[in-house]
C-alpha atoms as a PDB file:
ATOM      1  CA  TYR A   1      99.501  83.122 125.498  1.00  0.00           C
ATOM      2  CA  GLU A   2      97.486  85.759 123.646  1.00  0.00           C
ATOM      3  CA  LEU A   3      94.342  87.631 124.625  1.00  0.00           C
ATOM      4  CA  GLY A   4      92.211  89.779 122.342  1.00  0.00           C
ATOM      5  CA  TYR A   5      88.646  90.788 121.680  1.00  0.00           C
ATOM      6  CA  ASN A   6      86.730  92.321 118.761  1.00  0.00           C
ATOM      7  CA  LEU A   7      85.093  95.495 120.094  1.00  0.00           C
ATOM      8  CA  MET A   8      82.933  95.953 116.979  1.00  0.00           C
ATOM      9  CA  THR A   9      80.968  92.694 116.951  1.00  0.00           C
ATOM     10  CA  ASN A  10      77.798  94.294 115.529  1.00  0.00           C
ATOM     11  CA  SER A  11      79.557  95.718 112.476  1.00  0.00           C
ATOM     12  CA  ASP A  12      81.250  94.587 109.256  1.00  0.00           C
ATOM     13  CA  ALA A  13      84.400  96.322 110.556  1.00  0.00           C
ATOM     14  CA  SER A  14      86.503  94.990 113.422  1.00  0.00           C
ATOM     15  CA  LEU A  15      88.589  96.657 116.115  1.00  0.00           C
ATOM     16  CA  TYR A  16      90.794  94.155 117.911  1.00  0.00           C
ATOM     17  CA  PRO A  17      93.003  95.156 120.862  1.00  0.00           C
ATOM     18  CA  PHE A  18      95.324  92.342 121.928  1.00  0.00           C
ATOM     19  CA  PHE A  19      98.039  91.351 124.395  1.00  0.00           C
ATOM     20  CA  ARG A  20     100.592  88.552 123.852  1.00  0.00           C
ATOM     21  CA  GLN A  21     103.186  87.199 126.326  1.00  0.00           C
ATOM     22  CA  GLU A  22     105.965  84.819 125.255  1.00  0.00           C
ATOM     23  CA  GLU A  23     108.583  83.083 127.383  1.00  0.00           C
ATOM     24  CA  LEU A  24     111.477  81.474 125.480  1.00  0.00           C
ATOM     25  CA  ASP A  25     114.381  79.321 126.632  1.00  0.00           C
ATOM     26  CA  LEU A  26     117.268  79.735 124.177  1.00  0.00           C
ATOM     27  CA  SER A  27     120.168  77.436 125.083  1.00  0.00           C
ATOM     28  CA  GLY A  28     119.819  78.116 128.797  1.00  0.00           C
ATOM     29  CA  SER A  29     119.102  81.823 128.368  1.00  0.00           C
ATOM     30  CA  GLU A  30     115.541  82.848 129.160  1.00  0.00           C
ATOM     31  CA  LYS A  31     113.841  85.572 127.137  1.00  0.00           C
ATOM     32  CA  SER A  32     110.524  87.320 127.767  1.00  0.00           C
ATOM     33  CA  ILE A  33     108.655  89.129 124.986  1.00  0.00           C
ATOM     34  CA  THR A  34     105.491  91.169 125.550  1.00  0.00           C
ATOM     35  CA  THR A  35     103.518  92.476 122.574  1.00  0.00           C
ATOM     36  CA  TYR A  36     100.359  94.551 122.643  1.00  0.00           C
ATOM     37  CA  GLY A  37      98.529  96.540 120.044  1.00  0.00           C
ATOM     38  CA  LEU A  38      95.486  97.276 118.010  1.00  0.00           C
ATOM     39  CA  HIS A  39      94.272  95.886 114.694  1.00  0.00           C
ATOM     40  CA  TYR A  40      91.556  97.751 112.795  1.00  0.00           C
ATOM     41  CA  ARG A  41      89.849  96.218 109.762  1.00  0.00           C
ATOM     42  CA  PRO A  42      87.361  98.660 108.164  1.00  0.00           C
ATOM     43  CA  ILE A  43      86.551  96.105 105.416  1.00  0.00           C
ATOM     44  CA  ASP A  44      87.650  92.501 104.852  1.00  0.00           C
ATOM     45  CA  GLN A  45      90.407  93.431 102.362  1.00  0.00           C
ATOM     46  CA  ILE A  46      92.200  96.121 104.454  1.00  0.00           C
ATOM     47  CA  VAL A  47      93.806  96.009 107.891  1.00  0.00           C
ATOM     48  CA  PHE A  48      95.729  98.628 109.898  1.00  0.00           C
ATOM     49  CA  LYS A  49      97.982  97.179 112.616  1.00  0.00           C
ATOM     50  CA  LEU A  50      99.811  98.968 115.411  1.00  0.00           C
ATOM     51  CA  ASP A  51     102.016  96.729 117.577  1.00  0.00           C
ATOM     52  CA  VAL A  52     104.387  97.535 120.442  1.00  0.00           C
ATOM     53  CA  THR A  53     106.897  94.850 121.461  1.00  0.00           C
ATOM     54  CA  ASP A  54     108.902  94.907 124.673  1.00  0.00           C
ATOM     55  CA  ASP A  55     111.801  92.465 124.400  1.00  0.00           C
ATOM     56  CA  ASP A  56     113.768  92.171 127.662  1.00  0.00           C
ATOM     57  CA  SER A  57     116.978  91.370 125.748  1.00  0.00           C
ATOM     58  CA  LYS A  58     116.959  94.653 123.788  1.00  0.00           C
ATOM     59  CA  ASP A  59     117.187  98.315 124.729  1.00  0.00           C
ATOM     60  CA  GLY A  60     113.671  99.746 124.631  1.00  0.00           C
ATOM     61  CA  ASP A  61     110.505  98.886 122.774  1.00  0.00           C
ATOM     62  CA  THR A  62     109.824  98.263 119.095  1.00  0.00           C
ATOM     63  CA  THR A  63     106.765  99.945 117.573  1.00  0.00           C
ATOM     64  CA  SER A  64     105.445  98.966 114.155  1.00  0.00           C
ATOM     65  CA  PHE A  65     102.593 100.219 111.995  1.00  0.00           C
ATOM     66  CA  VAL A  66     101.502  98.067 109.066  1.00  0.00           C
ATOM     67  CA  ILE A  67      98.838  98.452 106.396  1.00  0.00           C
ATOM     68  CA  GLY A  68      97.688  95.199 104.829  1.00  0.00           C
ATOM     69  CA  TYR A  69      95.687  94.874 101.602  1.00  0.00           C
ATOM     70  CA  VAL A  70      94.319  91.727  99.990  1.00  0.00           C
ATOM     71  CA  PHE A  71      93.268  91.905  96.348  1.00  0.00           C
END
């Protein structure tokens, strides 16, 4: 499941914090993945994304920062 909400509903920009929980069954081995982060879109063509993923099968978290541009 995934939960999120746009905190800037009265603006052309959007600020979207989110939380996602995944449970996988891979050939009898269960895996849990939790991802949370923030997406900021100042205008429709640009997005800045910061995501943190906690995968119980790995050592530690994975943090990613992405800039997206649509032309």
